[in-house]
Structure formats: C-alpha cells, structure tokens
C-alpha cells in the first residue's frame, strides 16, 4: 500500500495542539513544522508524478525541482508557499533558537493546508 503523505499533516496538527500530550513542547512544534512540510511536498510531488508526467530526480535537488516545475507551469503562488514552508522546515530542523515558535508553527500549518487543498487542482 502506498503511504498517504497527507497523514503527516494530521500528525503535525496533533503535535501543534496545545492540549496534546507530548513530553517536550518545543520538540513537538519543531516536528510539526517538519511534518507539515513533508505532507505538502510529498503529496504535491506525487500528484505531479501521477498526473503531469513529472519525473522526480529522487535526490535532494527534487525539492527545488518541484518548485521550478510549478513556476514553469503557472503555479508560482504554490511554488512560493512551498518555498516559504521549506524555509520554516529548515529553521525547525537546523536552528538552535527560533523566535515565536508557536507563530511559526501555525504559519507552517496554514501554508501546508493551503498547498494540500490546491494540489488536486493543478
């Protein structure tokens, strides 16, 4: 069975929920941002592969190549949202300190949700 990458978005929402039972709130919020990115990116990439003859390189360049494909096919708004989400994911995964992590997490969730909602219409 093929993994439904949008399930990562559901997990991200759970991790970001202030009422969820997690041992470390900062780790949960950072993970929520990362999972939100991969939910959007992989759902989008798979959609392009299945419906638009996009052929992923299957390496780290694929993240940029998906955005480039979107820009070249009049989907610049989605490409920009994915870039902004990728930037937040990089921050969550690599920066030692993040200002206003709650706000960054909510912004990431909104970007991911928007990408997920728009993907079927590409």
PDB file of N, CA and C in Angstrom:
ATOM      1  N   UNK A   1       0.834  -1.173   0.000  1.00  0.00           N
ATOM      2  CA  UNK A   1       0.000   0.000   0.000  1.00  0.00           C
ATOM      3  C   UNK A   1       0.888   1.248   0.000  1.00  0.00           C
ATOM      4  N   UNK A   2       0.521   2.220  -0.801  1.00  0.00           N
ATOM      5  CA  UNK A   2       1.247   3.472  -0.888  1.00  0.00           C
ATOM      6  C   UNK A   2       0.914   4.349   0.313  1.00  0.00           C
ATOM      7  N   UNK A   3       1.938   4.935   0.873  1.00  0.00           N
ATOM      8  CA  UNK A   3       1.750   5.819   2.030  1.00  0.00           C
ATOM      9  C   UNK A   3       1.025   7.083   1.614  1.00  0.00           C
ATOM     10  N   UNK A   4       0.060   7.499   2.396  1.00  0.00           N
ATOM     11  CA  UNK A   4      -0.655   8.752   2.184  1.00  0.00           C
ATOM     12  C   UNK A   4       0.099   9.843   2.939  1.00  0.00           C
ATOM     13  N   UNK A   5       0.887  10.625   2.209  1.00  0.00           N
ATOM     14  CA  UNK A   5       1.745  11.629   2.825  1.00  0.00           C
ATOM     15  C   UNK A   5       0.967  12.714   3.553  1.00  0.00           C
ATOM     16  N   UNK A   6      -0.284  12.900   3.184  1.00  0.00           N
ATOM     17  CA  UNK A   6      -1.074  13.913   3.887  1.00  0.00           C
ATOM     18  C   UNK A   6      -1.344  13.507   5.340  1.00  0.00           C
ATOM     19  N   UNK A   7      -1.111  12.251   5.669  1.00  0.00           N
ATOM     20  CA  UNK A   7      -1.251  11.811   7.059  1.00  0.00           C
ATOM     21  C   UNK A   7      -0.250  12.551   7.961  1.00  0.00           C
ATOM     22  N   UNK A   8       0.859  12.976   7.392  1.00  0.00           N
ATOM     23  CA  UNK A   8       1.822  13.769   8.160  1.00  0.00           C
ATOM     24  C   UNK A   8       1.206  15.095   8.601  1.00  0.00           C
ATOM     25  N   UNK A   9       0.284  15.634   7.805  1.00  0.00           N
ATOM     26  CA  UNK A   9      -0.365  16.883   8.190  1.00  0.00           C
ATOM     27  C   UNK A   9      -1.224  16.666   9.435  1.00  0.00           C
ATOM     28  N   UNK A  10      -1.932  15.554   9.481  1.00  0.00           N
ATOM     29  CA  UNK A  10      -2.754  15.227  10.650  1.00  0.00           C
ATOM     30  C   UNK A  10      -1.857  15.102  11.881  1.00  0.00           C
ATOM     31  N   UNK A  11      -0.725  14.452  11.719  1.00  0.00           N
ATOM     32  CA  UNK A  11       0.235  14.330  12.816  1.00  0.00           C
ATOM     33  C   UNK A  11       0.760  15.713  13.228  1.00  0.00           C
ATOM     34  N   UNK A  12       1.044  16.557  12.259  1.00  0.00           N
ATOM     35  CA  UNK A  12       1.535  17.902  12.562  1.00  0.00           C
ATOM     36  C   UNK A  12       0.507  18.686  13.378  1.00  0.00           C
ATOM     37  N   UNK A  13      -0.759  18.580  13.012  1.00  0.00           N
ATOM     38  CA  UNK A  13      -1.807  19.258  13.770  1.00  0.00           C
ATOM     39  C   UNK A  13      -1.850  18.755  15.209  1.00  0.00           C
ATOM     40  N   UNK A  14      -1.721  17.440  15.376  1.00  0.00           N
ATOM     41  CA  UNK A  14      -1.725  16.868  16.725  1.00  0.00           C
ATOM     42  C   UNK A  14      -0.543  17.405  17.538  1.00  0.00           C
ATOM     43  N   UNK A  15       0.632  17.395  16.927  1.00  0.00           N
ATOM     44  CA  UNK A  15       1.821  17.855  17.636  1.00  0.00           C
ATOM     45  C   UNK A  15       1.728  19.328  18.007  1.00  0.00           C
ATOM     46  N   UNK A  16       1.062  20.121  17.182  1.00  0.00           N
ATOM     47  CA  UNK A  16       0.947  21.566  17.423  1.00  0.00           C
ATOM     48  C   UNK A  16      -0.167  21.919  18.402  1.00  0.00           C
ATOM     49  N   UNK A  17      -1.063  20.999  18.652  1.00  0.00           N
ATOM     50  CA  UNK A  17      -2.196  21.256  19.544  1.00  0.00           C
ATOM     51  C   UNK A  17      -1.700  21.435  20.981  1.00  0.00           C
ATOM     52  N   UNK A  18      -1.997  22.579  21.595  1.00  0.00           N
ATOM     53  CA  UNK A  18      -1.542  22.809  22.972  1.00  0.00           C
ATOM     54  C   UNK A  18      -2.074  21.767  23.955  1.00  0.00           C
ATOM     55  N   UNK A  19      -3.162  21.115  23.622  1.00  0.00           N
ATOM     56  CA  UNK A  19      -3.729  20.112  24.511  1.00  0.00           C
ATOM     57  C   UNK A  19      -3.183  18.707  24.309  1.00  0.00           C
ATOM     58  N   UNK A  20      -2.322  18.538  23.311  1.00  0.00           N
ATOM     59  CA  UNK A  20      -1.780  17.198  23.074  1.00  0.00           C
ATOM     60  C   UNK A  20      -0.757  16.838  24.150  1.00  0.00           C
ATOM     61  N   UNK A  21      -0.680  15.575  24.426  1.00  0.00           N
ATOM     62  CA  UNK A  21       0.228  15.084  25.458  1.00  0.00           C
ATOM     63  C   UNK A  21       1.569  14.722  24.816  1.00  0.00           C
ATOM     64  N   UNK A  22       2.501  15.663  24.891  1.00  0.00           N
ATOM     65  CA  UNK A  22       3.836  15.440  24.333  1.00  0.00           C
ATOM     66  C   UNK A  22       4.863  15.725  25.426  1.00  0.00           C
ATOM     67  N   UNK A  23       5.964  14.991  25.437  1.00  0.00           N
ATOM     68  CA  UNK A  23       6.943  15.183  26.512  1.00  0.00           C
ATOM     69  C   UNK A  23       7.727  16.495  26.414  1.00  0.00           C
ATOM     70  N   UNK A  24       7.859  17.053  25.213  1.00  0.00           N
ATOM     71  CA  UNK A  24       8.640  18.275  25.047  1.00  0.00           C
ATOM     72  C   UNK A  24       7.937  19.156  24.022  1.00  0.00           C
ATOM     73  N   UNK A  25       7.392  20.274  24.469  1.00  0.00           N
ATOM     74  CA  UNK A  25       6.588  21.151  23.607  1.00  0.00           C
ATOM     75  C   UNK A  25       7.403  21.708  22.447  1.00  0.00           C
ATOM     76  N   UNK A  26       8.612  22.152  22.700  1.00  0.00           N
ATOM     77  CA  UNK A  26       9.423  22.709  21.614  1.00  0.00           C
ATOM     78  C   UNK A  26       9.725  21.642  20.563  1.00  0.00           C
ATOM     79  N   UNK A  27      10.090  20.455  20.991  1.00  0.00           N
ATOM     80  CA  UNK A  27      10.361  19.374  20.041  1.00  0.00           C
ATOM     81  C   UNK A  27       9.114  19.038  19.229  1.00  0.00           C
ATOM     82  N   UNK A  28       7.956  19.065  19.874  1.00  0.00           N
ATOM     83  CA  UNK A  28       6.701  18.776  19.179  1.00  0.00           C
ATOM     84  C   UNK A  28       6.414  19.836  18.123  1.00  0.00           C
ATOM     85  N   UNK A  29       6.617  21.106  18.457  1.00  0.00           N
ATOM     86  CA  UNK A  29       6.349  22.175  17.500  1.00  0.00           C
ATOM     87  C   UNK A  29       7.329  22.133  16.325  1.00  0.00           C
ATOM     88  N   UNK A  30       8.593  21.880  16.627  1.00  0.00           N
ATOM     89  CA  UNK A  30       9.578  21.749  15.554  1.00  0.00           C
ATOM     90  C   UNK A  30       9.219  20.569  14.641  1.00  0.00           C
ATOM     91  N   UNK A  31       8.829  19.474  15.232  1.00  0.00           N
ATOM     92  CA  UNK A  31       8.430  18.299  14.447  1.00  0.00           C
ATOM     93  C   UNK A  31       7.168  18.577  13.637  1.00  0.00           C
ATOM     94  N   UNK A  32       6.257  19.349  14.193  1.00  0.00           N
ATOM     95  CA  UNK A  32       5.025  19.701  13.470  1.00  0.00           C
ATOM     96  C   UNK A  32       5.357  20.473  12.197  1.00  0.00           C
ATOM     97  N   UNK A  33       6.282  21.407  12.288  1.00  0.00           N
ATOM     98  CA  UNK A  33       6.684  22.173  11.104  1.00  0.00           C
ATOM     99  C   UNK A  33       7.281  21.245  10.056  1.00  0.00           C
ATOM    100  N   UNK A  34       8.166  20.372  10.477  1.00  0.00           N
ATOM    101  CA  UNK A  34       8.812  19.447   9.553  1.00  0.00           C
ATOM    102  C   UNK A  34       7.799  18.501   8.899  1.00  0.00           C
ATOM    103  N   UNK A  35       6.909  17.959   9.700  1.00  0.00           N
ATOM    104  CA  UNK A  35       5.890  17.036   9.155  1.00  0.00           C
ATOM    105  C   UNK A  35       4.927  17.766   8.220  1.00  0.00           C
ATOM    106  N   UNK A  36       4.595  19.018   8.535  1.00  0.00           N
ATOM    107  CA  UNK A  36       3.713  19.799   7.663  1.00  0.00           C
ATOM    108  C   UNK A  36       4.373  19.995   6.298  1.00  0.00           C
ATOM    109  N   UNK A  37       5.668  20.301   6.301  1.00  0.00           N
ATOM    110  CA  UNK A  37       6.384  20.464   5.035  1.00  0.00           C
ATOM    111  C   UNK A  37       6.339  19.180   4.217  1.00  0.00           C
ATOM    112  N   UNK A  38       6.696  18.058   4.843  1.00  0.00           N
ATOM    113  CA  UNK A  38       6.754  16.818   4.067  1.00  0.00           C
ATOM    114  C   UNK A  38       5.378  16.342   3.624  1.00  0.00           C
ATOM    115  N   UNK A  39       4.346  16.662   4.382  1.00  0.00           N
ATOM    116  CA  UNK A  39       2.982  16.346   3.942  1.00  0.00           C
ATOM    117  C   UNK A  39       2.686  17.087   2.641  1.00  0.00           C
ATOM    118  N   UNK A  40       2.976  18.373   2.621  1.00  0.00           N
ATOM    119  CA  UNK A  40       2.695  19.186   1.435  1.00  0.00           C
ATOM    120  C   UNK A  40       3.607  18.812   0.270  1.00  0.00           C
ATOM    121  N   UNK A  41       4.905  18.751   0.526  1.00  0.00           N
ATOM    122  CA  UNK A  41       5.879  18.476  -0.533  1.00  0.00           C
ATOM    123  C   UNK A  41       5.652  17.124  -1.198  1.00  0.00           C
ATOM    124  N   UNK A  42       5.532  16.066  -0.393  1.00  0.00           N
ATOM    125  CA  UNK A  42       5.406  14.735  -0.989  1.00  0.00           C
ATOM    126  C   UNK A  42       4.040  14.516  -1.638  1.00  0.00           C
ATOM    127  N   UNK A  43       2.984  15.083  -1.063  1.00  0.00           N
ATOM    128  CA  UNK A  43       1.670  14.980  -1.698  1.00  0.00           C
ATOM    129  C   UNK A  43       1.709  15.681  -3.048  1.00  0.00           C
ATOM    130  N   UNK A  44       2.301  16.854  -3.082  1.00  0.00           N
ATOM    131  CA  UNK A  44       2.427  17.622  -4.315  1.00  0.00           C
ATOM    132  C   UNK A  44       3.307  16.898  -5.332  1.00  0.00           C
ATOM    133  N   UNK A  45       4.462  16.443  -4.908  1.00  0.00           N
ATOM    134  CA  UNK A  45       5.372  15.740  -5.815  1.00  0.00           C
ATOM    135  C   UNK A  45       4.715  14.507  -6.408  1.00  0.00           C
ATOM    136  N   UNK A  46       4.028  13.723  -5.577  1.00  0.00           N
ATOM    137  CA  UNK A  46       3.368  12.522  -6.084  1.00  0.00           C
ATOM    138  C   UNK A  46       2.249  12.874  -7.060  1.00  0.00           C
ATOM    139  N   UNK A  47       1.518  13.952  -6.772  1.00  0.00           N
ATOM    140  CA  UNK A  47       0.458  14.386  -7.682  1.00  0.00           C
ATOM    141  C   UNK A  47       1.035  14.762  -9.049  1.00  0.00           C
ATOM    142  N   UNK A  48       2.125  15.501  -9.055  1.00  0.00           N
ATOM    143  CA  UNK A  48       2.755  15.879 -10.314  1.00  0.00           C
ATOM    144  C   UNK A  48       3.245  14.655 -11.074  1.00  0.00           C
ATOM    145  N   UNK A  49       3.793  13.711 -10.365  1.00  0.00           N
ATOM    146  CA  UNK A  49       4.270  12.473 -10.988  1.00  0.00           C
ATOM    147  C   UNK A  49       3.107  11.692 -11.604  1.00  0.00           C
ATOM    148  N   UNK A  50       2.012  11.581 -10.860  1.00  0.00           N
ATOM    149  CA  UNK A  50       0.878  10.763 -11.298  1.00  0.00           C
ATOM    150  C   UNK A  50       0.019  11.426 -12.367  1.00  0.00           C
ATOM    151  N   UNK A  51      -0.012  12.757 -12.397  1.00  0.00           N
ATOM    152  CA  UNK A  51      -0.942  13.429 -13.311  1.00  0.00           C
ATOM    153  C   UNK A  51      -0.289  14.346 -14.342  1.00  0.00           C
ATOM    154  N   UNK A  52       0.957  14.750 -14.143  1.00  0.00           N
ATOM    155  CA  UNK A  52       1.579  15.751 -15.017  1.00  0.00           C
ATOM    156  C   UNK A  52       2.889  15.287 -15.651  1.00  0.00           C
ATOM    157  N   UNK A  53       3.163  14.004 -15.584  1.00  0.00           N
ATOM    158  CA  UNK A  53       4.366  13.437 -16.188  1.00  0.00           C
ATOM    159  C   UNK A  53       5.658  14.019 -15.598  1.00  0.00           C
ATOM    160  N   UNK A  54       5.586  14.522 -14.372  1.00  0.00           N
ATOM    161  CA  UNK A  54       6.785  14.997 -13.687  1.00  0.00           C
ATOM    162  C   UNK A  54       7.617  13.793 -13.266  1.00  0.00           C
ATOM    163  N   UNK A  55       8.897  13.845 -13.516  1.00  0.00           N
ATOM    164  CA  UNK A  55       9.794  12.759 -13.140  1.00  0.00           C
ATOM    165  C   UNK A  55      10.772  13.251 -12.087  1.00  0.00           C
ATOM    166  N   UNK A  56      10.549  12.843 -10.841  1.00  0.00           N
ATOM    167  CA  UNK A  56      11.440  13.307  -9.767  1.00  0.00           C
ATOM    168  C   UNK A  56      12.844  12.744  -9.920  1.00  0.00           C
ATOM    169  N   UNK A  57      13.812  13.533  -9.507  1.00  0.00           N
ATOM    170  CA  UNK A  57      15.202  13.083  -9.548  1.00  0.00           C
ATOM    171  C   UNK A  57      15.508  12.137  -8.390  1.00  0.00           C
ATOM    172  N   UNK A  58      14.643  12.145  -7.383  1.00  0.00           N
ATOM    173  CA  UNK A  58      14.766  11.288  -6.202  1.00  0.00           C
ATOM    174  C   UNK A  58      16.047  11.552  -5.410  1.00  0.00           C
ATOM    175  N   UNK A  59      16.435  12.813  -5.382  1.00  0.00           N
ATOM    176  CA  UNK A  59      17.534  13.243  -4.521  1.00  0.00           C
ATOM    177  C   UNK A  59      17.155  14.597  -3.940  1.00  0.00           C
ATOM    178  N   UNK A  60      18.067  15.216  -3.222  1.00  0.00           N
ATOM    179  CA  UNK A  60      17.707  16.462  -2.534  1.00  0.00           C
ATOM    180  C   UNK A  60      17.389  17.599  -3.498  1.00  0.00           C
ATOM    181  N   UNK A  61      17.844  17.518  -4.725  1.00  0.00           N
ATOM    182  CA  UNK A  61      17.529  18.546  -5.719  1.00  0.00           C
ATOM    183  C   UNK A  61      16.055  18.544  -6.090  1.00  0.00           C
ATOM    184  N   UNK A  62      15.387  17.461  -5.801  1.00  0.00           N
ATOM    185  CA  UNK A  62      13.978  17.345  -6.143  1.00  0.00           C
ATOM    186  C   UNK A  62      13.129  18.417  -5.462  1.00  0.00           C
ATOM    187  N   UNK A  63      13.515  18.845  -4.291  1.00  0.00           N
ATOM    188  CA  UNK A  63      12.761  19.878  -3.578  1.00  0.00           C
ATOM    189  C   UNK A  63      12.728  21.174  -4.407  1.00  0.00           C
ATOM    190  N   UNK A  64      13.864  21.565  -4.934  1.00  0.00           N
ATOM    191  CA  UNK A  64      13.951  22.750  -5.790  1.00  0.00           C
ATOM    192  C   UNK A  64      13.279  22.491  -7.135  1.00  0.00           C
ATOM    193  N   UNK A  65      13.473  21.304  -7.679  1.00  0.00           N
ATOM    194  CA  UNK A  65      12.917  20.981  -8.998  1.00  0.00           C
ATOM    195  C   UNK A  65      11.391  20.999  -8.996  1.00  0.00           C
ATOM    196  N   UNK A  66      10.772  20.582  -7.906  1.00  0.00           N
ATOM    197  CA  UNK A  66       9.307  20.662  -7.814  1.00  0.00           C
ATOM    198  C   UNK A  66       8.882  22.130  -7.866  1.00  0.00           C
ATOM    199  N   UNK A  67       9.556  22.989  -7.119  1.00  0.00           N
ATOM    200  CA  UNK A  67       9.225  24.420  -7.151  1.00  0.00           C
ATOM    201  C   UNK A  67       9.450  25.007  -8.544  1.00  0.00           C
ATOM    202  N   UNK A  68      10.543  24.605  -9.193  1.00  0.00           N
ATOM    203  CA  UNK A  68      10.813  25.080 -10.552  1.00  0.00           C
ATOM    204  C   UNK A  68       9.716  24.632 -11.515  1.00  0.00           C
ATOM    205  N   UNK A  69       9.286  23.386 -11.398  1.00  0.00           N
ATOM    206  CA  UNK A  69       8.217  22.883 -12.267  1.00  0.00           C
ATOM    207  C   UNK A  69       6.972  23.737 -12.074  1.00  0.00           C
ATOM    208  N   UNK A  70       6.629  24.016 -10.832  1.00  0.00           N
ATOM    209  CA  UNK A  70       5.450  24.827 -10.541  1.00  0.00           C
ATOM    210  C   UNK A  70       5.579  26.219 -11.159  1.00  0.00           C
ATOM    211  N   UNK A  71       6.739  26.844 -11.026  1.00  0.00           N
ATOM    212  CA  UNK A  71       6.956  28.175 -11.597  1.00  0.00           C
ATOM    213  C   UNK A  71       6.800  28.140 -13.118  1.00  0.00           C
ATOM    214  N   UNK A  72       7.309  27.102 -13.737  1.00  0.00           N
ATOM    215  CA  UNK A  72       7.254  26.988 -15.195  1.00  0.00           C
ATOM    216  C   UNK A  72       5.878  26.614 -15.720  1.00  0.00           C
ATOM    217  N   UNK A  73       4.967  26.247 -14.839  1.00  0.00           N
ATOM    218  CA  UNK A  73       3.618  25.845 -15.247  1.00  0.00           C
ATOM    219  C   UNK A  73       2.543  26.730 -14.607  1.00  0.00           C
ATOM    220  N   UNK A  74       2.897  27.981 -14.413  1.00  0.00           N
ATOM    221  CA  UNK A  74       1.950  28.999 -13.939  1.00  0.00           C
ATOM    222  C   UNK A  74       1.338  28.684 -12.579  1.00  0.00           C
ATOM    223  N   UNK A  75       2.136  28.108 -11.727  1.00  0.00           N
ATOM    224  CA  UNK A  75       1.712  27.814 -10.353  1.00  0.00           C
ATOM    225  C   UNK A  75       2.671  28.475  -9.375  1.00  0.00           C
ATOM    226  N   UNK A  76       3.046  29.711  -9.697  1.00  0.00           N
ATOM    227  CA  UNK A  76       4.039  30.418  -8.892  1.00  0.00           C
ATOM    228  C   UNK A  76       3.629  30.647  -7.451  1.00  0.00           C
ATOM    229  N   UNK A  77       2.331  30.836  -7.211  1.00  0.00           N
ATOM    230  CA  UNK A  77       1.872  31.039  -5.835  1.00  0.00           C
ATOM    231  C   UNK A  77       2.102  29.809  -4.976  1.00  0.00           C
ATOM    232  N   UNK A  78       1.833  28.644  -5.533  1.00  0.00           N
ATOM    233  CA  UNK A  78       2.063  27.400  -4.793  1.00  0.00           C
ATOM    234  C   UNK A  78       3.561  27.183  -4.603  1.00  0.00           C
ATOM    235  N   UNK A  79       4.340  27.484  -5.636  1.00  0.00           N
ATOM    236  CA  UNK A  79       5.797  27.358  -5.527  1.00  0.00           C
ATOM    237  C   UNK A  79       6.328  28.246  -4.406  1.00  0.00           C
ATOM    238  N   UNK A  80       5.828  29.464  -4.322  1.00  0.00           N
ATOM    239  CA  UNK A  80       6.275  30.390  -3.276  1.00  0.00           C
ATOM    240  C   UNK A  80       5.850  29.896  -1.899  1.00  0.00           C
ATOM    241  N   UNK A  81       4.627  29.397  -1.781  1.00  0.00           N
ATOM    242  CA  UNK A  81       4.180  28.832  -0.498  1.00  0.00           C
ATOM    243  C   UNK A  81       5.061  27.658  -0.084  1.00  0.00           C
ATOM    244  N   UNK A  82       5.412  26.804  -1.042  1.00  0.00           N
ATOM    245  CA  UNK A  82       6.269  25.662  -0.734  1.00  0.00           C
ATOM    246  C   UNK A  82       7.664  26.129  -0.331  1.00  0.00           C
ATOM    247  N   UNK A  83       8.171  27.173  -0.977  1.00  0.00           N
ATOM    248  CA  UNK A  83       9.476  27.720  -0.606  1.00  0.00           C
ATOM    249  C   UNK A  83       9.447  28.274   0.813  1.00  0.00           C
ATOM    250  N   UNK A  84       8.396  29.013   1.139  1.00  0.00           N
ATOM    251  CA  UNK A  84       8.260  29.576   2.484  1.00  0.00           C
ATOM    252  C   UNK A  84       8.140  28.461   3.532  1.00  0.00           C
ATOM    253  N   UNK A  85       7.416  27.415   3.188  1.00  0.00           N
ATOM    254  CA  UNK A  85       7.266  26.277   4.096  1.00  0.00           C
ATOM    255  C   UNK A  85       8.597  25.545   4.254  1.00  0.00           C
ATOM    256  N   UNK A  86       9.334  25.387   3.168  1.00  0.00           N
ATOM    257  CA  UNK A  86      10.653  24.740   3.223  1.00  0.00           C
ATOM    258  C   UNK A  86      11.615  25.541   4.091  1.00  0.00           C
ATOM    259  N   UNK A  87      11.524  26.856   4.013  1.00  0.00           N
ATOM    260  CA  UNK A  87      12.373  27.713   4.844  1.00  0.00           C
ATOM    261  C   UNK A  87      12.071  27.488   6.323  1.00  0.00           C
ATOM    262  N   UNK A  88      10.804  27.399   6.660  1.00  0.00           N
ATOM    263  CA  UNK A  88      10.423  27.133   8.049  1.00  0.00           C
ATOM    264  C   UNK A  88      10.887  25.739   8.486  1.00  0.00           C
ATOM    265  N   UNK A  89      10.789  24.776   7.593  1.00  0.00           N
ATOM    266  CA  UNK A  89      11.252  23.433   7.928  1.00  0.00           C
ATOM    267  C   UNK A  89      12.745  23.441   8.208  1.00  0.00           C
ATOM    268  N   UNK A  90      13.507  24.150   7.387  1.00  0.00           N
ATOM    269  CA  UNK A  90      14.945  24.250   7.625  1.00  0.00           C
ATOM    270  C   UNK A  90      15.248  24.881   8.974  1.00  0.00           C
ATOM    271  N   UNK A  91      14.512  25.918   9.298  1.00  0.00           N
ATOM    272  CA  UNK A  91      14.672  26.587  10.589  1.00  0.00           C
ATOM    273  C   UNK A  91      14.372  25.602  11.729  1.00  0.00           C
ATOM    274  N   UNK A  92      13.260  24.876  11.606  1.00  0.00           N
ATOM    275  CA  UNK A  92      12.844  23.944  12.660  1.00  0.00           C
ATOM    276  C   UNK A  92      13.845  22.803  12.844  1.00  0.00           C
ATOM    277  N   UNK A  93      14.427  22.363  11.741  1.00  0.00           N
ATOM    278  CA  UNK A  93      15.332  21.216  11.803  1.00  0.00           C
ATOM    279  C   UNK A  93      16.781  21.576  12.127  1.00  0.00           C
ATOM    280  N   UNK A  94      17.180  22.835  11.876  1.00  0.00           N
ATOM    281  CA  UNK A  94      18.599  23.150  11.988  1.00  0.00           C
ATOM    282  C   UNK A  94      18.959  24.293  12.931  1.00  0.00           C
ATOM    283  N   UNK A  95      18.041  25.219  13.198  1.00  0.00           N
ATOM    284  CA  UNK A  95      18.391  26.364  14.037  1.00  0.00           C
ATOM    285  C   UNK A  95      18.295  26.008  15.525  1.00  0.00           C
ATOM    286  N   UNK A  96      19.253  26.480  16.309  1.00  0.00           N
ATOM    287  CA  UNK A  96      19.232  26.230  17.746  1.00  0.00           C
ATOM    288  C   UNK A  96      18.155  27.030  18.461  1.00  0.00           C
ATOM    289  N   UNK A  97      17.861  28.216  17.946  1.00  0.00           N
ATOM    290  CA  UNK A  97      16.858  29.080  18.570  1.00  0.00           C
ATOM    291  C   UNK A  97      15.883  29.570  17.507  1.00  0.00           C
ATOM    292  N   UNK A  98      14.606  29.573  17.861  1.00  0.00           N
ATOM    293  CA  UNK A  98      13.564  30.062  16.959  1.00  0.00           C
ATOM    294  C   UNK A  98      12.696  31.037  17.735  1.00  0.00           C
ATOM    295  N   UNK A  99      12.613  32.254  17.262  1.00  0.00           N
ATOM    296  CA  UNK A  99      11.733  33.237  17.884  1.00  0.00           C
ATOM    297  C   UNK A  99      10.280  32.944  17.540  1.00  0.00           C
ATOM    298  N   UNK A 100       9.414  33.039  18.529  1.00  0.00           N
ATOM    299  CA  UNK A 100       7.980  32.851  18.350  1.00  0.00           C
ATOM    300  C   UNK A 100       7.645  31.544  17.627  1.00  0.00           C
ATOM    301  N   UNK A 101       8.080  30.451  18.200  1.00  0.00           N
ATOM    302  CA  UNK A 101       7.891  29.128  17.603  1.00  0.00           C
ATOM    303  C   UNK A 101       6.419  28.781  17.406  1.00  0.00           C
ATOM    304  N   UNK A 102       5.573  29.174  18.325  1.00  0.00           N
ATOM    305  CA  UNK A 102       4.126  28.915  18.174  1.00  0.00           C
ATOM    306  C   UNK A 102       3.606  29.560  16.892  1.00  0.00           C
ATOM    307  N   UNK A 103       3.964  30.817  16.679  1.00  0.00           N
ATOM    308  CA  UNK A 103       3.510  31.546  15.487  1.00  0.00           C
ATOM    309  C   UNK A 103       4.067  30.906  14.218  1.00  0.00           C
ATOM    310  N   UNK A 104       5.328  30.528  14.229  1.00  0.00           N
ATOM    311  CA  UNK A 104       5.953  29.888  13.069  1.00  0.00           C
ATOM    312  C   UNK A 104       5.269  28.554  12.756  1.00  0.00           C
ATOM    313  N   UNK A 105       4.901  27.825  13.802  1.00  0.00           N
ATOM    314  CA  UNK A 105       4.227  26.541  13.609  1.00  0.00           C
ATOM    315  C   UNK A 105       2.856  26.744  12.978  1.00  0.00           C
ATOM    316  N   UNK A 106       2.102  27.708  13.471  1.00  0.00           N
ATOM    317  CA  UNK A 106       0.781  27.982  12.906  1.00  0.00           C
ATOM    318  C   UNK A 106       0.890  28.445  11.451  1.00  0.00           C
ATOM    319  N   UNK A 107       1.887  29.252  11.153  1.00  0.00           N
ATOM    320  CA  UNK A 107       2.099  29.694   9.774  1.00  0.00           C
ATOM    321  C   UNK A 107       2.429  28.507   8.873  1.00  0.00           C
ATOM    322  N   UNK A 108       3.263  27.595   9.361  1.00  0.00           N
ATOM    323  CA  UNK A 108       3.615  26.404   8.584  1.00  0.00           C
ATOM    324  C   UNK A 108       2.388  25.535   8.330  1.00  0.00           C
ATOM    325  N   UNK A 109       1.569  25.360   9.343  1.00  0.00           N
ATOM    326  CA  UNK A 109       0.354  24.556   9.172  1.00  0.00           C
ATOM    327  C   UNK A 109      -0.584  25.192   8.149  1.00  0.00           C
ATOM    328  N   UNK A 110      -0.716  26.508   8.179  1.00  0.00           N
ATOM    329  CA  UNK A 110      -1.590  27.183   7.215  1.00  0.00           C
ATOM    330  C   UNK A 110      -1.050  27.054   5.793  1.00  0.00           C
ATOM    331  N   UNK A 111       0.257  27.199   5.624  1.00  0.00           N
ATOM    332  CA  UNK A 111       0.850  27.037   4.300  1.00  0.00           C
ATOM    333  C   UNK A 111       0.643  25.614   3.786  1.00  0.00           C
ATOM    334  N   UNK A 112       0.897  24.637   4.637  1.00  0.00           N
ATOM    335  CA  UNK A 112       0.741  23.242   4.228  1.00  0.00           C
ATOM    336  C   UNK A 112      -0.705  22.937   3.866  1.00  0.00           C
ATOM    337  N   UNK A 113      -1.631  23.403   4.676  1.00  0.00           N
ATOM    338  CA  UNK A 113      -3.045  23.162   4.395  1.00  0.00           C
ATOM    339  C   UNK A 113      -3.438  23.778   3.056  1.00  0.00           C
ATOM    340  N   UNK A 114      -2.964  24.981   2.789  1.00  0.00           N
ATOM    341  CA  UNK A 114      -3.282  25.645   1.526  1.00  0.00           C
ATOM    342  C   UNK A 114      -2.718  24.854   0.339  1.00  0.00           C
ATOM    343  N   UNK A 115      -1.499  24.397   0.460  1.00  0.00           N
ATOM    344  CA  UNK A 115      -0.883  23.597  -0.610  1.00  0.00           C
ATOM    345  C   UNK A 115      -1.661  22.304  -0.813  1.00  0.00           C
ATOM    346  N   UNK A 116      -2.005  21.630   0.269  1.00  0.00           N
ATOM    347  CA  UNK A 116      -2.746  20.380   0.163  1.00  0.00           C
ATOM    348  C   UNK A 116      -4.111  20.590  -0.500  1.00  0.00           C
ATOM    349  N   UNK A 117      -4.762  21.696  -0.195  1.00  0.00           N
ATOM    350  CA  UNK A 117      -6.069  21.980  -0.796  1.00  0.00           C
ATOM    351  C   UNK A 117      -5.955  22.316  -2.281  1.00  0.00           C
ATOM    352  N   UNK A 118      -4.882  22.968  -2.677  1.00  0.00           N
ATOM    353  CA  UNK A 118      -4.704  23.374  -4.081  1.00  0.00           C
ATOM    354  C   UNK A 118      -4.146  22.264  -4.969  1.00  0.00           C
ATOM    355  N   UNK A 119      -3.460  21.315  -4.395  1.00  0.00           N
ATOM    356  CA  UNK A 119      -2.770  20.295  -5.188  1.00  0.00           C
ATOM    357  C   UNK A 119      -3.686  19.564  -6.174  1.00  0.00           C
ATOM    358  N   UNK A 120      -4.867  19.113  -5.796  1.00  0.00           N
ATOM    359  CA  UNK A 120      -5.695  18.382  -6.775  1.00  0.00           C
ATOM    360  C   UNK A 120      -6.106  19.226  -7.986  1.00  0.00           C
ATOM    361  N   UNK A 121      -6.053  20.551  -7.869  1.00  0.00           N
ATOM    362  CA  UNK A 121      -6.484  21.424  -8.962  1.00  0.00           C
ATOM    363  C   UNK A 121      -5.337  21.809  -9.917  1.00  0.00           C
ATOM    364  N   UNK A 122      -4.149  21.306  -9.651  1.00  0.00           N
ATOM    365  CA  UNK A 122      -3.010  21.621 -10.523  1.00  0.00           C
ATOM    366  C   UNK A 122      -3.120  20.761 -11.784  1.00  0.00           C
TER     367      UNK A 122
END
